[in-house]
Amino acid sequence: MTRTNTTVAGETYQVYGDFIKRGTMATRMSTGETKQISHSGYINNDLTVRKAIAAAFDLPTYRTKPTKAMQEATAERDLTLQNIAEIILHIETLETRYSDSLDFHEVSAWGLKEALQAAYQAGQGAAKANA
């Protein structure tokens, strides 16, 4: 079983053939999520593989680099999450600082609930803006 890596929309995917399922599988390396991208045989052409990955994982593009709109949406999302962390959870940054005392925080249950509600509302607002 040969495994190859490809990049779609800025994320790395591992692609391999599965003899049992008689198709091609793809695993998103950042999350470990695996989906079957071909149900009736094996695909090897990189462009075809990237298009199948984009369809299976509901990605907006099959291109290797994220589009400018995707980069802007990611930056906006990250800023929203940072603001929620600072205002509600009193966490100064969400960046990894490789120190337990800086990277781990005690958070109350009600503070976490408020932060999750704020994130949910922000997602709803973004969905309405994009509709």
C-alpha atoms as a PDB file:
ATOM      1  CA  MET A   1       0.000   0.000   0.000  1.00  0.00           C
ATOM      2  CA  THR A   2       1.695   3.176  -1.234  1.00  0.00           C
ATOM      3  CA  ARG A   3       0.951   6.355   0.648  1.00  0.00           C
ATOM      4  CA  THR A   4       1.531   9.755  -0.899  1.00  0.00           C
ATOM      5  CA  ASN A   5       0.968  13.254   0.394  1.00  0.00           C
ATOM      6  CA  THR A   6      -0.727  16.082  -1.452  1.00  0.00           C
ATOM      7  CA  THR A   7      -1.803  19.578  -0.484  1.00  0.00           C
ATOM      8  CA  VAL A   8      -5.303  20.946  -1.022  1.00  0.00           C
ATOM      9  CA  ALA A   9      -6.355  24.433   0.090  1.00  0.00           C
ATOM     10  CA  GLY A  10      -3.218  24.737   2.218  1.00  0.00           C
ATOM     11  CA  GLU A  11      -3.772  21.469   4.138  1.00  0.00           C
ATOM     12  CA  THR A  12      -1.816  18.233   3.767  1.00  0.00           C
ATOM     13  CA  TYR A  13      -3.624  14.995   2.980  1.00  0.00           C
ATOM     14  CA  GLN A  14      -2.239  11.467   2.888  1.00  0.00           C
ATOM     15  CA  VAL A  15      -3.649   9.424  -0.014  1.00  0.00           C
ATOM     16  CA  TYR A  16      -3.582   5.637  -0.300  1.00  0.00           C
ATOM     17  CA  GLY A  17      -5.403   2.775  -1.940  1.00  0.00           C
ATOM     18  CA  ASP A  18      -7.540   0.515   0.227  1.00  0.00           C
ATOM     19  CA  PHE A  19      -7.794  -3.026  -1.131  1.00  0.00           C
ATOM     20  CA  ILE A  20     -10.676  -3.974   1.186  1.00  0.00           C
ATOM     21  CA  LYS A  21     -12.860  -0.979   0.280  1.00  0.00           C
ATOM     22  CA  ARG A  22     -11.720  -1.108  -3.366  1.00  0.00           C
ATOM     23  CA  GLY A  23     -11.034   2.572  -3.596  1.00  0.00           C
ATOM     24  CA  THR A  24      -8.778   5.462  -2.762  1.00  0.00           C
ATOM     25  CA  MET A  25      -8.738   6.944   0.724  1.00  0.00           C
ATOM     26  CA  ALA A  26      -7.543  10.359   1.934  1.00  0.00           C
ATOM     27  CA  THR A  27      -6.627  11.380   5.473  1.00  0.00           C
ATOM     28  CA  ARG A  28      -6.472  15.027   6.570  1.00  0.00           C
ATOM     29  CA  MET A  29      -3.181  15.138   8.461  1.00  0.00           C
ATOM     30  CA  SER A  30      -4.190  17.988  10.788  1.00  0.00           C
ATOM     31  CA  THR A  31      -7.231  16.171  12.193  1.00  0.00           C
ATOM     32  CA  GLY A  32      -6.777  12.518  11.243  1.00  0.00           C
ATOM     33  CA  GLU A  33     -10.165  12.510   9.504  1.00  0.00           C
ATOM     34  CA  THR A  34     -10.303   9.869   6.751  1.00  0.00           C
ATOM     35  CA  LYS A  35     -12.718   9.704   3.827  1.00  0.00           C
ATOM     36  CA  GLN A  36     -13.027   7.548   0.756  1.00  0.00           C
ATOM     37  CA  ILE A  37     -12.432   9.687  -2.345  1.00  0.00           C
ATOM     38  CA  SER A  38     -12.886   7.002  -4.988  1.00  0.00           C
ATOM     39  CA  HIS A  39     -15.411   4.186  -4.731  1.00  0.00           C
ATOM     40  CA  SER A  40     -14.803   2.293  -7.932  1.00  0.00           C
ATOM     41  CA  GLY A  41     -11.069   1.914  -8.272  1.00  0.00           C
ATOM     42  CA  TYR A  42      -7.851   3.731  -7.653  1.00  0.00           C
ATOM     43  CA  ILE A  43      -6.827   7.213  -8.788  1.00  0.00           C
ATOM     44  CA  ASN A  44      -3.240   8.360  -9.107  1.00  0.00           C
ATOM     45  CA  ASN A  45      -3.272  11.592 -11.113  1.00  0.00           C
ATOM     46  CA  ASP A  46      -2.526  14.419  -8.644  1.00  0.00           C
ATOM     47  CA  LEU A  47      -5.088  16.831 -10.110  1.00  0.00           C
ATOM     48  CA  THR A  48      -7.821  14.175 -10.014  1.00  0.00           C
ATOM     49  CA  VAL A  49      -6.853  13.255  -6.445  1.00  0.00           C
ATOM     50  CA  ARG A  50      -6.976  16.907  -5.317  1.00  0.00           C
ATOM     51  CA  LYS A  51     -10.395  17.422  -6.942  1.00  0.00           C
ATOM     52  CA  ALA A  52     -11.723  14.245  -5.270  1.00  0.00           C
ATOM     53  CA  ILE A  53     -10.369  15.387  -1.891  1.00  0.00           C
ATOM     54  CA  ALA A  54     -11.998  18.811  -2.302  1.00  0.00           C
ATOM     55  CA  ALA A  55     -15.339  17.145  -3.071  1.00  0.00           C
ATOM     56  CA  ALA A  56     -15.134  14.599  -0.235  1.00  0.00           C
ATOM     57  CA  PHE A  57     -14.056  17.087   2.439  1.00  0.00           C
ATOM     58  CA  ASP A  58     -16.330  19.925   1.196  1.00  0.00           C
ATOM     59  CA  LEU A  59     -13.435  22.273   0.460  1.00  0.00           C
ATOM     60  CA  PRO A  60     -14.007  25.451  -1.566  1.00  0.00           C
ATOM     61  CA  THR A  61     -11.078  24.764  -3.912  1.00  0.00           C
ATOM     62  CA  TYR A  62      -8.911  21.906  -5.112  1.00  0.00           C
ATOM     63  CA  ARG A  63      -5.888  24.145  -5.598  1.00  0.00           C
ATOM     64  CA  THR A  64      -2.793  23.522  -3.481  1.00  0.00           C
ATOM     65  CA  LYS A  65      -2.701  27.017  -1.969  1.00  0.00           C
ATOM     66  CA  PRO A  66      -5.631  28.592  -0.171  1.00  0.00           C
ATOM     67  CA  THR A  67      -7.374  31.361  -2.085  1.00  0.00           C
ATOM     68  CA  LYS A  68      -7.141  34.956  -0.909  1.00  0.00           C
ATOM     69  CA  ALA A  69     -10.753  34.790   0.300  1.00  0.00           C
ATOM     70  CA  MET A  70      -9.931  31.663   2.329  1.00  0.00           C
ATOM     71  CA  GLN A  71      -6.892  33.372   3.863  1.00  0.00           C
ATOM     72  CA  GLU A  72      -8.981  36.424   4.770  1.00  0.00           C
ATOM     73  CA  ALA A  73     -11.718  34.239   6.300  1.00  0.00           C
ATOM     74  CA  THR A  74      -9.119  32.342   8.335  1.00  0.00           C
ATOM     75  CA  ALA A  75      -7.545  35.573   9.565  1.00  0.00           C
ATOM     76  CA  GLU A  76     -10.973  36.940  10.522  1.00  0.00           C
ATOM     77  CA  ARG A  77     -11.857  33.713  12.341  1.00  0.00           C
ATOM     78  CA  ASP A  78      -8.561  33.718  14.227  1.00  0.00           C
ATOM     79  CA  LEU A  79      -9.068  37.349  15.264  1.00  0.00           C
ATOM     80  CA  THR A  80     -12.578  36.549  16.528  1.00  0.00           C
ATOM     81  CA  LEU A  81     -11.296  33.604  18.565  1.00  0.00           C
ATOM     82  CA  GLN A  82      -8.459  35.724  19.968  1.00  0.00           C
ATOM     83  CA  ASN A  83     -10.939  38.419  21.018  1.00  0.00           C
ATOM     84  CA  ILE A  84     -13.162  35.833  22.735  1.00  0.00           C
ATOM     85  CA  ALA A  85     -10.145  34.396  24.557  1.00  0.00           C
ATOM     86  CA  GLU A  86      -8.992  37.823  25.733  1.00  0.00           C
ATOM     87  CA  ILE A  87     -12.356  39.323  26.705  1.00  0.00           C
ATOM     88  CA  ILE A  88     -14.227  36.337  28.134  1.00  0.00           C
ATOM     89  CA  LEU A  89     -11.526  33.902  29.251  1.00  0.00           C
ATOM     90  CA  HIS A  90      -8.817  36.473  30.109  1.00  0.00           C
ATOM     91  CA  ILE A  91      -6.234  34.551  28.066  1.00  0.00           C
ATOM     92  CA  GLU A  92      -3.696  36.934  26.575  1.00  0.00           C
ATOM     93  CA  THR A  93      -2.822  34.864  23.472  1.00  0.00           C
ATOM     94  CA  LEU A  94      -3.824  31.633  21.750  1.00  0.00           C
ATOM     95  CA  GLU A  95      -0.338  31.160  20.289  1.00  0.00           C
ATOM     96  CA  THR A  96       1.672  28.198  21.558  1.00  0.00           C
ATOM     97  CA  ARG A  97       4.505  29.424  23.787  1.00  0.00           C
ATOM     98  CA  TYR A  98       5.938  25.993  24.722  1.00  0.00           C
ATOM     99  CA  SER A  99       5.602  26.548  28.444  1.00  0.00           C
ATOM    100  CA  ASP A 100       3.007  24.831  30.628  1.00  0.00           C
ATOM    101  CA  SER A 101       2.587  27.906  32.806  1.00  0.00           C
ATOM    102  CA  LEU A 102       1.872  30.031  29.709  1.00  0.00           C
ATOM    103  CA  ASP A 103      -0.065  27.523  27.564  1.00  0.00           C
ATOM    104  CA  PHE A 104      -2.448  25.965  30.123  1.00  0.00           C
ATOM    105  CA  HIS A 105      -5.146  27.990  31.846  1.00  0.00           C
ATOM    106  CA  GLU A 106      -7.790  27.367  34.502  1.00  0.00           C
ATOM    107  CA  VAL A 107     -11.188  28.362  33.160  1.00  0.00           C
ATOM    108  CA  SER A 108     -14.509  28.311  34.971  1.00  0.00           C
ATOM    109  CA  ALA A 109     -17.355  26.263  33.520  1.00  0.00           C
ATOM    110  CA  TRP A 110     -19.520  29.377  33.110  1.00  0.00           C
ATOM    111  CA  GLY A 111     -16.642  31.223  31.427  1.00  0.00           C
ATOM    112  CA  LEU A 112     -16.165  28.347  29.006  1.00  0.00           C
ATOM    113  CA  LYS A 113     -19.908  28.259  28.320  1.00  0.00           C
ATOM    114  CA  GLU A 114     -19.925  32.015  27.611  1.00  0.00           C
ATOM    115  CA  ALA A 115     -16.920  31.667  25.276  1.00  0.00           C
ATOM    116  CA  LEU A 116     -18.536  28.782  23.384  1.00  0.00           C
ATOM    117  CA  GLN A 117     -21.769  30.743  23.028  1.00  0.00           C
ATOM    118  CA  ALA A 118     -19.838  33.746  21.685  1.00  0.00           C
ATOM    119  CA  ALA A 119     -18.003  31.524  19.183  1.00  0.00           C
ATOM    120  CA  TYR A 120     -21.280  29.925  18.087  1.00  0.00           C
ATOM    121  CA  GLN A 121     -22.898  33.333  17.583  1.00  0.00           C
ATOM    122  CA  ALA A 122     -19.871  34.538  15.639  1.00  0.00           C
ATOM    123  CA  GLY A 123     -20.139  31.469  13.380  1.00  0.00           C
ATOM    124  CA  GLN A 124     -23.836  32.112  12.808  1.00  0.00           C
ATOM    125  CA  GLY A 125     -23.076  35.723  11.928  1.00  0.00           C
ATOM    126  CA  ALA A 126     -20.356  34.682   9.491  1.00  0.00           C
ATOM    127  CA  ALA A 127     -22.673  32.137   7.859  1.00  0.00           C
ATOM    128  CA  LYS A 128     -25.383  34.762   7.373  1.00  0.00           C
ATOM    129  CA  ALA A 129     -22.845  37.211   5.934  1.00  0.00           C
ATOM    130  CA  ASN A 130     -21.658  34.598   3.418  1.00  0.00           C
ATOM    131  CA  ALA A 131     -25.167  33.484   2.409  1.00  0.00           C
END
